[in-house]
Amino acid sequence: MTLIWLSLAWVFASAGVAMLPMRRQYIPGVALLLAAPVLIVLIGAQYGWVFAALALAAFISMFRNPLRYIAARLRGIQPEIPE
């Protein structure tokens, strides 16, 4: 039950961070980006791979732009950062 509450808190925190101005999103956004895989693995361990796959799809949907930026940096491309 605690995992469900933590997951809900993560969702509301990420929605709150998305409403912040771009310059204030970086630090809480990175924290949420690092916490998500841990929550997804815990969801998979406790509830099964179907729910982990759904959580992964939601995570990729919510963090698609930061994930694109990280992928571009790993490929050696210097993407532009919005102001």
PDB file of N, CA and C in Angstrom:
ATOM      1  N   MET A   1       0.824  -1.195   0.000  1.00  0.00           N
ATOM      2  CA  MET A   1       0.000   0.000   0.000  1.00  0.00           C
ATOM      3  C   MET A   1       0.869   1.260   0.000  1.00  0.00           C
ATOM      4  N   THR A   2       2.013   1.174   0.658  1.00  0.00           N
ATOM      5  CA  THR A   2       2.915   2.319   0.705  1.00  0.00           C
ATOM      6  C   THR A   2       3.444   2.646  -0.683  1.00  0.00           C
ATOM      7  N   LEU A   3       3.691   1.625  -1.489  1.00  0.00           N
ATOM      8  CA  LEU A   3       4.192   1.838  -2.839  1.00  0.00           C
ATOM      9  C   LEU A   3       3.183   2.602  -3.691  1.00  0.00           C
ATOM     10  N   ILE A   4       1.915   2.321  -3.497  1.00  0.00           N
ATOM     11  CA  ILE A   4       0.875   3.043  -4.238  1.00  0.00           C
ATOM     12  C   ILE A   4       0.893   4.514  -3.851  1.00  0.00           C
ATOM     13  N   TRP A   5       1.007   4.818  -2.573  1.00  0.00           N
ATOM     14  CA  TRP A   5       1.054   6.205  -2.128  1.00  0.00           C
ATOM     15  C   TRP A   5       2.307   6.921  -2.620  1.00  0.00           C
ATOM     16  N   LEU A   6       3.430   6.215  -2.611  1.00  0.00           N
ATOM     17  CA  LEU A   6       4.662   6.813  -3.135  1.00  0.00           C
ATOM     18  C   LEU A   6       4.537   7.093  -4.631  1.00  0.00           C
ATOM     19  N   SER A   7       3.927   6.186  -5.350  1.00  0.00           N
ATOM     20  CA  SER A   7       3.739   6.382  -6.790  1.00  0.00           C
ATOM     21  C   SER A   7       2.799   7.550  -7.071  1.00  0.00           C
ATOM     22  N   LEU A   8       1.736   7.650  -6.307  1.00  0.00           N
ATOM     23  CA  LEU A   8       0.821   8.781  -6.471  1.00  0.00           C
ATOM     24  C   LEU A   8       1.504  10.102  -6.124  1.00  0.00           C
ATOM     25  N   ALA A   9       2.312  10.090  -5.085  1.00  0.00           N
ATOM     26  CA  ALA A   9       3.054  11.300  -4.723  1.00  0.00           C
ATOM     27  C   ALA A   9       4.020  11.688  -5.833  1.00  0.00           C
ATOM     28  N   TRP A  10       4.654  10.688  -6.457  1.00  0.00           N
ATOM     29  CA  TRP A  10       5.560  10.963  -7.571  1.00  0.00           C
ATOM     30  C   TRP A  10       4.807  11.608  -8.731  1.00  0.00           C
ATOM     31  N   VAL A  11       3.621  11.093  -9.052  1.00  0.00           N
ATOM     32  CA  VAL A  11       2.826  11.634 -10.161  1.00  0.00           C
ATOM     33  C   VAL A  11       2.438  13.079  -9.881  1.00  0.00           C
ATOM     34  N   PHE A  12       1.952  13.363  -8.679  1.00  0.00           N
ATOM     35  CA  PHE A  12       1.558  14.730  -8.359  1.00  0.00           C
ATOM     36  C   PHE A  12       2.767  15.667  -8.290  1.00  0.00           C
ATOM     37  N   ALA A  13       3.887  15.163  -7.788  1.00  0.00           N
ATOM     38  CA  ALA A  13       5.105  15.979  -7.752  1.00  0.00           C
ATOM     39  C   ALA A  13       5.581  16.304  -9.165  1.00  0.00           C
ATOM     40  N   SER A  14       5.529  15.334 -10.066  1.00  0.00           N
ATOM     41  CA  SER A  14       5.966  15.601 -11.437  1.00  0.00           C
ATOM     42  C   SER A  14       5.018  16.562 -12.143  1.00  0.00           C
ATOM     43  N   ALA A  15       3.729  16.471 -11.866  1.00  0.00           N
ATOM     44  CA  ALA A  15       2.783  17.426 -12.447  1.00  0.00           C
ATOM     45  C   ALA A  15       3.030  18.827 -11.884  1.00  0.00           C
ATOM     46  N   GLY A  16       3.362  18.901 -10.604  1.00  0.00           N
ATOM     47  CA  GLY A  16       3.678  20.199 -10.002  1.00  0.00           C
ATOM     48  C   GLY A  16       4.955  20.794 -10.565  1.00  0.00           C
ATOM     49  N   VAL A  17       5.961  19.966 -10.773  1.00  0.00           N
ATOM     50  CA  VAL A  17       7.220  20.452 -11.343  1.00  0.00           C
ATOM     51  C   VAL A  17       7.003  20.921 -12.773  1.00  0.00           C
ATOM     52  N   ALA A  18       6.128  20.261 -13.509  1.00  0.00           N
ATOM     53  CA  ALA A  18       5.858  20.663 -14.892  1.00  0.00           C
ATOM     54  C   ALA A  18       5.236  22.046 -14.965  1.00  0.00           C
ATOM     55  N   MET A  19       4.566  22.481 -13.909  1.00  0.00           N
ATOM     56  CA  MET A  19       3.956  23.808 -13.899  1.00  0.00           C
ATOM     57  C   MET A  19       4.927  24.913 -13.522  1.00  0.00           C
ATOM     58  N   LEU A  20       6.117  24.545 -13.059  1.00  0.00           N
ATOM     59  CA  LEU A  20       7.115  25.548 -12.701  1.00  0.00           C
ATOM     60  C   LEU A  20       7.728  26.156 -13.957  1.00  0.00           C
ATOM     61  N   PRO A  21       8.284  27.374 -13.836  1.00  0.00           N
ATOM     62  CA  PRO A  21       9.031  27.918 -14.974  1.00  0.00           C
ATOM     63  C   PRO A  21      10.214  27.012 -15.299  1.00  0.00           C
ATOM     64  N   MET A  22      10.636  27.023 -16.551  1.00  0.00           N
ATOM     65  CA  MET A  22      11.665  26.091 -17.015  1.00  0.00           C
ATOM     66  C   MET A  22      12.940  26.168 -16.182  1.00  0.00           C
ATOM     67  N   ARG A  23      13.363  27.339 -15.805  1.00  0.00           N
ATOM     68  CA  ARG A  23      14.623  27.468 -15.061  1.00  0.00           C
ATOM     69  C   ARG A  23      14.540  26.876 -13.665  1.00  0.00           C
ATOM     70  N   ARG A  24      13.351  26.676 -13.137  1.00  0.00           N
ATOM     71  CA  ARG A  24      13.183  26.099 -11.804  1.00  0.00           C
ATOM     72  C   ARG A  24      12.835  24.608 -11.845  1.00  0.00           C
ATOM     73  N   GLN A  25      12.757  24.024 -13.024  1.00  0.00           N
ATOM     74  CA  GLN A  25      12.387  22.621 -13.161  1.00  0.00           C
ATOM     75  C   GLN A  25      13.567  21.672 -13.042  1.00  0.00           C
ATOM     76  N   TYR A  26      14.784  22.153 -13.202  1.00  0.00           N
ATOM     77  CA  TYR A  26      15.922  21.253 -13.349  1.00  0.00           C
ATOM     78  C   TYR A  26      16.187  20.384 -12.121  1.00  0.00           C
ATOM     79  N   ILE A  27      16.343  20.965 -10.964  1.00  0.00           N
ATOM     80  CA  ILE A  27      16.712  20.182  -9.773  1.00  0.00           C
ATOM     81  C   ILE A  27      15.605  19.213  -9.364  1.00  0.00           C
ATOM     82  N   PRO A  28      14.353  19.666  -9.207  1.00  0.00           N
ATOM     83  CA  PRO A  28      13.327  18.669  -8.852  1.00  0.00           C
ATOM     84  C   PRO A  28      13.058  17.682  -9.985  1.00  0.00           C
ATOM     85  N   GLY A  29      13.230  18.118 -11.229  1.00  0.00           N
ATOM     86  CA  GLY A  29      13.029  17.219 -12.356  1.00  0.00           C
ATOM     87  C   GLY A  29      14.046  16.099 -12.392  1.00  0.00           C
ATOM     88  N   VAL A  30      15.307  16.418 -12.085  1.00  0.00           N
ATOM     89  CA  VAL A  30      16.345  15.390 -12.045  1.00  0.00           C
ATOM     90  C   VAL A  30      16.062  14.401 -10.913  1.00  0.00           C
ATOM     91  N   ALA A  31      15.627  14.912  -9.775  1.00  0.00           N
ATOM     92  CA  ALA A  31      15.294  14.023  -8.657  1.00  0.00           C
ATOM     93  C   ALA A  31      14.160  13.077  -9.041  1.00  0.00           C
ATOM     94  N   LEU A  32      13.143  13.582  -9.707  1.00  0.00           N
ATOM     95  CA  LEU A  32      12.038  12.735 -10.147  1.00  0.00           C
ATOM     96  C   LEU A  32      12.484  11.759 -11.233  1.00  0.00           C
ATOM     97  N   LEU A  33      13.375  12.219 -12.102  1.00  0.00           N
ATOM     98  CA  LEU A  33      13.891  11.353 -13.166  1.00  0.00           C
ATOM     99  C   LEU A  33      14.689  10.190 -12.596  1.00  0.00           C
ATOM    100  N   LEU A  34      15.416  10.419 -11.519  1.00  0.00           N
ATOM    101  CA  LEU A  34      16.196   9.357 -10.884  1.00  0.00           C
ATOM    102  C   LEU A  34      15.336   8.441 -10.008  1.00  0.00           C
ATOM    103  N   ALA A  35      14.257   8.979  -9.444  1.00  0.00           N
ATOM    104  CA  ALA A  35      13.392   8.175  -8.577  1.00  0.00           C
ATOM    105  C   ALA A  35      12.471   7.251  -9.368  1.00  0.00           C
ATOM    106  N   ALA A  36      12.154   7.619 -10.592  1.00  0.00           N
ATOM    107  CA  ALA A  36      11.193   6.847 -11.386  1.00  0.00           C
ATOM    108  C   ALA A  36      11.627   5.407 -11.637  1.00  0.00           C
ATOM    109  N   PRO A  37      12.856   5.143 -12.085  1.00  0.00           N
ATOM    110  CA  PRO A  37      13.221   3.734 -12.322  1.00  0.00           C
ATOM    111  C   PRO A  37      13.140   2.876 -11.058  1.00  0.00           C
ATOM    112  N   VAL A  38      13.454   3.461  -9.924  1.00  0.00           N
ATOM    113  CA  VAL A  38      13.358   2.717  -8.663  1.00  0.00           C
ATOM    114  C   VAL A  38      11.903   2.335  -8.401  1.00  0.00           C
ATOM    115  N   LEU A  39      10.995   3.299  -8.564  1.00  0.00           N
ATOM    116  CA  LEU A  39       9.577   3.015  -8.364  1.00  0.00           C
ATOM    117  C   LEU A  39       9.064   1.986  -9.373  1.00  0.00           C
ATOM    118  N   ILE A  40       9.508   2.084 -10.618  1.00  0.00           N
ATOM    119  CA  ILE A  40       9.048   1.142 -11.643  1.00  0.00           C
ATOM    120  C   ILE A  40       9.511  -0.274 -11.329  1.00  0.00           C
ATOM    121  N   VAL A  41      10.746  -0.415 -10.879  1.00  0.00           N
ATOM    122  CA  VAL A  41      11.241  -1.747 -10.501  1.00  0.00           C
ATOM    123  C   VAL A  41      10.460  -2.286  -9.307  1.00  0.00           C
ATOM    124  N   LEU A  42      10.188  -1.452  -8.322  1.00  0.00           N
ATOM    125  CA  LEU A  42       9.411  -1.890  -7.169  1.00  0.00           C
ATOM    126  C   LEU A  42       7.989  -2.273  -7.564  1.00  0.00           C
ATOM    127  N   ILE A  43       7.394  -1.506  -8.478  1.00  0.00           N
ATOM    128  CA  ILE A  43       6.055  -1.846  -8.967  1.00  0.00           C
ATOM    129  C   ILE A  43       6.092  -3.200  -9.666  1.00  0.00           C
ATOM    130  N   GLY A  44       7.109  -3.428 -10.477  1.00  0.00           N
ATOM    131  CA  GLY A  44       7.238  -4.709 -11.165  1.00  0.00           C
ATOM    132  C   GLY A  44       7.420  -5.861 -10.202  1.00  0.00           C
ATOM    133  N   ALA A  45       8.198  -5.646  -9.149  1.00  0.00           N
ATOM    134  CA  ALA A  45       8.445  -6.713  -8.178  1.00  0.00           C
ATOM    135  C   ALA A  45       7.190  -7.029  -7.361  1.00  0.00           C
ATOM    136  N   GLN A  46       6.417  -6.001  -7.053  1.00  0.00           N
ATOM    137  CA  GLN A  46       5.267  -6.222  -6.177  1.00  0.00           C
ATOM    138  C   GLN A  46       3.990  -6.569  -6.940  1.00  0.00           C
ATOM    139  N   TYR A  47       3.779  -5.957  -8.113  1.00  0.00           N
ATOM    140  CA  TYR A  47       2.499  -6.127  -8.808  1.00  0.00           C
ATOM    141  C   TYR A  47       2.598  -6.844 -10.139  1.00  0.00           C
ATOM    142  N   GLY A  48       3.798  -7.064 -10.655  1.00  0.00           N
ATOM    143  CA  GLY A  48       3.946  -7.794 -11.909  1.00  0.00           C
ATOM    144  C   GLY A  48       4.428  -6.909 -13.044  1.00  0.00           C
ATOM    145  N   TRP A  49       4.850  -7.580 -14.124  1.00  0.00           N
ATOM    146  CA  TRP A  49       5.471  -6.868 -15.228  1.00  0.00           C
ATOM    147  C   TRP A  49       4.488  -6.032 -16.022  1.00  0.00           C
ATOM    148  N   VAL A  50       3.208  -6.386 -16.037  1.00  0.00           N
ATOM    149  CA  VAL A  50       2.226  -5.607 -16.789  1.00  0.00           C
ATOM    150  C   VAL A  50       2.104  -4.201 -16.196  1.00  0.00           C
ATOM    151  N   PHE A  51       2.018  -4.129 -14.884  1.00  0.00           N
ATOM    152  CA  PHE A  51       1.909  -2.825 -14.238  1.00  0.00           C
ATOM    153  C   PHE A  51       3.214  -2.046 -14.334  1.00  0.00           C
ATOM    154  N   ALA A  52       4.331  -2.750 -14.317  1.00  0.00           N
ATOM    155  CA  ALA A  52       5.625  -2.083 -14.511  1.00  0.00           C
ATOM    156  C   ALA A  52       5.722  -1.526 -15.926  1.00  0.00           C
ATOM    157  N   ALA A  53       5.219  -2.251 -16.917  1.00  0.00           N
ATOM    158  CA  ALA A  53       5.227  -1.762 -18.298  1.00  0.00           C
ATOM    159  C   ALA A  53       4.333  -0.535 -18.450  1.00  0.00           C
ATOM    160  N   LEU A  54       3.183  -0.543 -17.786  1.00  0.00           N
ATOM    161  CA  LEU A  54       2.302   0.624 -17.809  1.00  0.00           C
ATOM    162  C   LEU A  54       2.971   1.826 -17.146  1.00  0.00           C
ATOM    163  N   ALA A  55       3.645   1.589 -16.031  1.00  0.00           N
ATOM    164  CA  ALA A  55       4.356   2.674 -15.353  1.00  0.00           C
ATOM    165  C   ALA A  55       5.497   3.199 -16.210  1.00  0.00           C
ATOM    166  N   LEU A  56       6.197   2.308 -16.900  1.00  0.00           N
ATOM    167  CA  LEU A  56       7.280   2.725 -17.793  1.00  0.00           C
ATOM    168  C   LEU A  56       6.741   3.557 -18.951  1.00  0.00           C
ATOM    169  N   ALA A  57       5.610   3.160 -19.510  1.00  0.00           N
ATOM    170  CA  ALA A  57       4.998   3.938 -20.591  1.00  0.00           C
ATOM    171  C   ALA A  57       4.591   5.326 -20.109  1.00  0.00           C
ATOM    172  N   ALA A  58       4.030   5.400 -18.916  1.00  0.00           N
ATOM    173  CA  ALA A  58       3.655   6.699 -18.356  1.00  0.00           C
ATOM    174  C   ALA A  58       4.888   7.559 -18.098  1.00  0.00           C
ATOM    175  N   PHE A  59       5.954   6.945 -17.600  1.00  0.00           N
ATOM    176  CA  PHE A  59       7.201   7.668 -17.335  1.00  0.00           C
ATOM    177  C   PHE A  59       7.795   8.221 -18.628  1.00  0.00           C
ATOM    178  N   ILE A  60       7.843   7.394 -19.663  1.00  0.00           N
ATOM    179  CA  ILE A  60       8.396   7.851 -20.939  1.00  0.00           C
ATOM    180  C   ILE A  60       7.534   8.957 -21.532  1.00  0.00           C
ATOM    181  N   SER A  61       6.232   8.853 -21.380  1.00  0.00           N
ATOM    182  CA  SER A  61       5.335   9.881 -21.886  1.00  0.00           C
ATOM    183  C   SER A  61       5.542  11.209 -21.165  1.00  0.00           C
ATOM    184  N   MET A  62       5.696  11.161 -19.850  1.00  0.00           N
ATOM    185  CA  MET A  62       5.832  12.392 -19.068  1.00  0.00           C
ATOM    186  C   MET A  62       7.197  13.033 -19.228  1.00  0.00           C
ATOM    187  N   PHE A  63       8.232  12.236 -19.394  1.00  0.00           N
ATOM    188  CA  PHE A  63       9.595  12.758 -19.448  1.00  0.00           C
ATOM    189  C   PHE A  63      10.204  12.596 -20.839  1.00  0.00           C
ATOM    190  N   ARG A  64       9.379  12.711 -21.884  1.00  0.00           N
ATOM    191  CA  ARG A  64       9.897  12.478 -23.229  1.00  0.00           C
ATOM    192  C   ARG A  64      10.943  13.505 -23.638  1.00  0.00           C
ATOM    193  N   ASN A  65      10.781  14.769 -23.308  1.00  0.00           N
ATOM    194  CA  ASN A  65      11.775  15.771 -23.712  1.00  0.00           C
ATOM    195  C   ASN A  65      13.098  15.616 -22.978  1.00  0.00           C
ATOM    196  N   PRO A  66      13.120  15.428 -21.662  1.00  0.00           N
ATOM    197  CA  PRO A  66      14.418  15.194 -21.014  1.00  0.00           C
ATOM    198  C   PRO A  66      15.088  13.909 -21.496  1.00  0.00           C
ATOM    199  N   LEU A  67      14.291  12.880 -21.790  1.00  0.00           N
ATOM    200  CA  LEU A  67      14.871  11.636 -22.292  1.00  0.00           C
ATOM    201  C   LEU A  67      15.438  11.817 -23.698  1.00  0.00           C
ATOM    202  N   ARG A  68      14.786  12.632 -24.524  1.00  0.00           N
ATOM    203  CA  ARG A  68      15.336  12.953 -25.849  1.00  0.00           C
ATOM    204  C   ARG A  68      16.653  13.708 -25.710  1.00  0.00           C
ATOM    205  N   TYR A  69      16.707  14.638 -24.770  1.00  0.00           N
ATOM    206  CA  TYR A  69      17.928  15.409 -24.548  1.00  0.00           C
ATOM    207  C   TYR A  69      19.077  14.483 -24.123  1.00  0.00           C
ATOM    208  N   ILE A  70      18.796  13.591 -23.185  1.00  0.00           N
ATOM    209  CA  ILE A  70      19.835  12.659 -22.716  1.00  0.00           C
ATOM    210  C   ILE A  70      20.291  11.751 -23.854  1.00  0.00           C
ATOM    211  N   ALA A  71      19.345  11.270 -24.666  1.00  0.00           N
ATOM    212  CA  ALA A  71      19.703  10.411 -25.796  1.00  0.00           C
ATOM    213  C   ALA A  71      20.558  11.167 -26.816  1.00  0.00           C
ATOM    214  N   ALA A  72      20.227  12.423 -27.060  1.00  0.00           N
ATOM    215  CA  ALA A  72      21.022  13.221 -27.997  1.00  0.00           C
ATOM    216  C   ALA A  72      22.427  13.445 -27.461  1.00  0.00           C
ATOM    217  N   ARG A  73      22.539  13.726 -26.180  1.00  0.00           N
ATOM    218  CA  ARG A  73      23.864  13.921 -25.579  1.00  0.00           C
ATOM    219  C   ARG A  73      24.687  12.644 -25.640  1.00  0.00           C
ATOM    220  N   LEU A  74      24.057  11.495 -25.445  1.00  0.00           N
ATOM    221  CA  LEU A  74      24.779  10.230 -25.525  1.00  0.00           C
ATOM    222  C   LEU A  74      25.245   9.928 -26.948  1.00  0.00           C
ATOM    223  N   ARG A  75      24.504  10.430 -27.953  1.00  0.00           N
ATOM    224  CA  ARG A  75      24.913  10.260 -29.340  1.00  0.00           C
ATOM    225  C   ARG A  75      25.974  11.278 -29.757  1.00  0.00           C
ATOM    226  N   GLY A  76      26.285  12.247 -28.902  1.00  0.00           N
ATOM    227  CA  GLY A  76      27.292  13.252 -29.196  1.00  0.00           C
ATOM    228  C   GLY A  76      26.759  14.518 -29.825  1.00  0.00           C
ATOM    229  N   ILE A  77      25.455  14.674 -29.848  1.00  0.00           N
ATOM    230  CA  ILE A  77      24.820  15.864 -30.406  1.00  0.00           C
ATOM    231  C   ILE A  77      24.618  16.873 -29.276  1.00  0.00           C
ATOM    232  N   GLN A  78      24.848  18.151 -29.554  1.00  0.00           N
ATOM    233  CA  GLN A  78      24.648  19.207 -28.551  1.00  0.00           C
ATOM    234  C   GLN A  78      23.289  19.868 -28.810  1.00  0.00           C
ATOM    235  N   PRO A  79      22.206  19.395 -28.179  1.00  0.00           N
ATOM    236  CA  PRO A  79      20.885  19.987 -28.419  1.00  0.00           C
ATOM    237  C   PRO A  79      20.749  21.344 -27.731  1.00  0.00           C
ATOM    238  N   GLU A  80      19.815  22.141 -28.250  1.00  0.00           N
ATOM    239  CA  GLU A  80      19.551  23.439 -27.647  1.00  0.00           C
ATOM    240  C   GLU A  80      18.697  23.262 -26.390  1.00  0.00           C
ATOM    241  N   ILE A  81      18.953  24.096 -25.397  1.00  0.00           N
ATOM    242  CA  ILE A  81      18.179  24.090 -24.159  1.00  0.00           C
ATOM    243  C   ILE A  81      17.275  25.307 -24.178  1.00  0.00           C
ATOM    244  N   PRO A  82      15.965  25.135 -23.983  1.00  0.00           N
ATOM    245  CA  PRO A  82      15.070  26.300 -23.966  1.00  0.00           C
ATOM    246  C   PRO A  82      15.334  27.188 -22.756  1.00  0.00           C
ATOM    247  N   GLU A  83      15.060  28.453 -22.908  1.00  0.00           N
ATOM    248  CA  GLU A  83      15.315  29.387 -21.795  1.00  0.00           C
ATOM    249  C   GLU A  83      14.151  29.520 -20.874  1.00  0.00           C
TER     250      GLU A  83
END
